[in-house]
Amino acid sequence: MAFFISSVQAGDGVTFSWHANPGEDDILGYRLYYGTESRFTAGGYDYYIDFTSWQRCPANGDGSDCEPLPDNGVSCENLYQDYPTCTVYNLRGHLYFAMTAYSAQEESGYTQELDYISPEVFAALQAVYKLLLH
C-alpha cells in the first residue's frame, strides 16, 4: 500500500491518500496510526483512527476503549476503491503517521512513516529560529 499526505488544507485538515490493497486481499478496512512519537521510539503511536468503524482507539488497547469520531472529525472519499482519501481535521503539533489494512483474520504491517507539523507549531518554530539567528 503506497501511503502519502496529499494535501494540507486550510481549516486544519490533513488529507491522506493511498493505493488500496488488491480486492483479493479481502480487506475490511484501514487504520491510521498516529502520535507525538515515532513508532521507532519507545513511546510509539498514541492512537489509531479506524476509517471503517469511524472510531478512535488507543494504539496499544484491546479495542474495547474506542470512542466514536465526531461528525466533523474525518471525511473520506472512495474508501473501497483504488485510491481512497481521508481528511482528518483538528490535528495539532508534530505528529507521526502510518497506516495498516486489515481483514477478518489479520492486520498488515505498517506503511512507511510520515510526519506532519501543524501550521501553528511550524510558525512558532520559525519564530524561534529567527530569534536564534539574530
Protein backbone atom coordinates (compact mmCIF):
# COMPACT_ATOMS: atom_id res chain seq x y z
CA MET A 1 0.00 0.00 0.00
CA ALA A 2 1.50 3.34 -1.05
CA PHE A 3 0.59 5.96 1.53
CA PHE A 4 1.15 9.71 1.48
CA ILE A 5 -0.12 13.04 2.72
CA SER A 6 -1.67 14.53 -0.38
CA SER A 7 -2.53 17.95 0.96
CA VAL A 8 -2.75 20.16 3.98
CA GLN A 9 -5.94 22.18 3.82
CA ALA A 10 -6.93 25.43 5.35
CA GLY A 11 -9.04 24.75 8.39
CA ASP A 12 -6.63 22.27 9.94
CA GLY A 13 -7.40 19.33 7.66
CA VAL A 14 -4.71 16.90 6.55
CA THR A 15 -5.63 14.67 3.63
CA PHE A 16 -4.17 11.17 3.44
CA SER A 17 -4.24 9.16 0.23
CA TRP A 18 -3.16 5.62 -0.51
CA HIS A 19 -3.22 2.95 -3.15
CA ALA A 20 -5.69 0.37 -1.86
CA ASN A 21 -4.85 -3.27 -1.39
CA PRO A 22 -5.95 -5.62 -4.20
CA GLY A 23 -9.52 -6.92 -3.97
CA GLU A 24 -8.38 -10.50 -3.40
CA ASP A 25 -6.88 -9.42 -0.05
CA ASP A 26 -10.43 -9.27 1.42
CA ILE A 27 -9.68 -6.00 3.18
CA LEU A 28 -12.36 -4.87 5.63
CA GLY A 29 -10.82 -1.51 6.47
CA TYR A 30 -7.86 0.77 7.06
CA ARG A 31 -6.38 2.24 10.21
CA LEU A 32 -4.39 5.45 10.51
CA TYR A 33 -1.96 5.20 13.43
CA TYR A 34 -0.60 8.46 14.85
CA GLY A 35 1.10 10.00 17.81
CA THR A 36 3.61 12.53 19.05
CA GLU A 37 6.40 9.96 18.82
CA SER A 38 7.60 7.76 16.02
CA ARG A 39 6.84 4.06 16.23
CA PHE A 40 10.62 3.59 16.17
CA THR A 41 10.88 5.12 19.65
CA ALA A 42 9.90 3.59 22.97
CA GLY A 43 6.63 5.54 23.12
CA GLY A 44 5.27 4.68 19.70
CA TYR A 45 1.88 5.75 18.40
CA ASP A 46 -0.81 7.00 20.76
CA TYR A 47 -3.95 6.27 18.73
CA TYR A 48 -5.39 4.90 15.56
CA ILE A 49 -8.42 6.01 13.58
CA ASP A 50 -10.42 3.18 12.04
CA PHE A 51 -11.83 4.56 8.80
CA THR A 52 -14.39 1.74 8.61
CA SER A 53 -15.93 1.86 12.08
CA TRP A 54 -15.34 5.63 12.42
CA GLN A 55 -13.68 5.26 15.80
CA ARG A 56 -10.52 6.50 17.51
CA CYS A 57 -8.79 3.91 19.68
CA PRO A 58 -5.68 3.81 21.87
CA ALA A 59 -2.94 2.20 19.79
CA ASN A 60 -1.99 -0.28 22.50
CA GLY A 61 -5.52 -1.05 23.69
CA ASP A 62 -7.66 -4.09 23.04
CA GLY A 63 -10.30 -2.23 21.01
CA SER A 64 -12.80 -2.06 23.87
CA ASP A 65 -11.92 1.53 24.78
CA CYS A 66 -12.55 3.14 21.40
CA GLU A 67 -14.64 6.29 21.02
CA PRO A 68 -16.77 7.39 18.06
CA LEU A 69 -15.29 10.09 15.87
CA PRO A 70 -17.15 13.41 15.83
CA ASP A 71 -19.12 14.15 12.66
CA ASN A 72 -16.66 16.88 11.72
CA GLY A 73 -13.52 14.91 12.65
CA VAL A 74 -12.92 12.92 9.46
CA SER A 75 -14.23 12.76 5.93
CA CYS A 76 -13.40 10.03 3.39
CA GLU A 77 -13.90 9.54 -0.31
CA ASN A 78 -13.58 6.38 -2.40
CA LEU A 79 -12.83 4.30 0.69
CA TYR A 80 -13.33 0.98 -1.10
CA GLN A 81 -11.89 1.96 -4.46
CA ASP A 82 -8.35 2.02 -5.85
CA TYR A 83 -7.27 5.39 -4.43
CA PRO A 84 -9.06 6.26 -1.17
CA THR A 85 -8.56 9.61 0.53
CA CYS A 86 -9.48 10.63 4.04
CA THR A 87 -9.12 14.06 5.60
CA VAL A 88 -8.58 14.27 9.34
CA TYR A 89 -9.36 17.61 10.99
CA ASN A 90 -8.03 19.36 14.08
CA LEU A 91 -4.59 17.77 14.15
CA ARG A 92 -2.18 19.76 16.28
CA GLY A 93 1.53 19.57 16.97
CA HIS A 94 4.28 17.46 15.45
CA LEU A 95 2.72 14.09 14.63
CA TYR A 96 3.87 10.82 13.08
CA PHE A 97 1.59 8.62 10.93
CA ALA A 98 1.46 5.17 9.39
CA MET A 99 -1.39 3.06 8.04
CA THR A 100 -2.40 -0.57 8.11
CA ALA A 101 -5.04 -2.57 6.29
CA TYR A 102 -6.97 -5.34 8.00
CA SER A 103 -9.08 -8.32 7.08
CA ALA A 104 -11.22 -10.54 9.31
CA GLN A 105 -8.12 -12.62 10.14
CA GLU A 106 -5.19 -10.22 10.37
CA GLU A 107 -3.78 -6.72 10.20
CA SER A 108 -1.00 -5.78 7.79
CA GLY A 109 2.33 -4.30 8.75
CA TYR A 110 2.72 -0.53 8.84
CA THR A 111 3.25 1.60 5.75
CA GLN A 112 6.23 3.93 5.71
CA GLU A 113 6.03 6.55 8.41
CA LEU A 114 5.17 10.16 7.62
CA ASP A 115 5.42 13.16 9.87
CA TYR A 116 3.45 16.40 9.94
CA ILE A 117 3.91 19.71 11.72
CA SER A 118 0.73 21.74 12.15
CA PRO A 119 0.82 25.35 10.91
CA GLU A 120 0.79 26.96 14.37
CA VAL A 121 3.71 24.81 15.55
CA PHE A 122 5.60 25.48 12.33
CA ALA A 123 5.12 29.24 12.80
CA ALA A 124 6.41 29.04 16.38
CA LEU A 125 9.47 27.06 15.24
CA GLN A 126 10.18 29.66 12.56
CA ALA A 127 9.97 32.46 15.15
CA VAL A 128 12.43 30.67 17.44
CA TYR A 129 14.75 30.01 14.51
CA LYS A 130 14.72 33.71 13.54
CA LEU A 131 15.50 34.71 17.13
CA LEU A 132 18.42 32.31 17.27
CA LEU A 133 19.89 33.69 14.05
CA HIS A 134 19.84 37.30 15.23
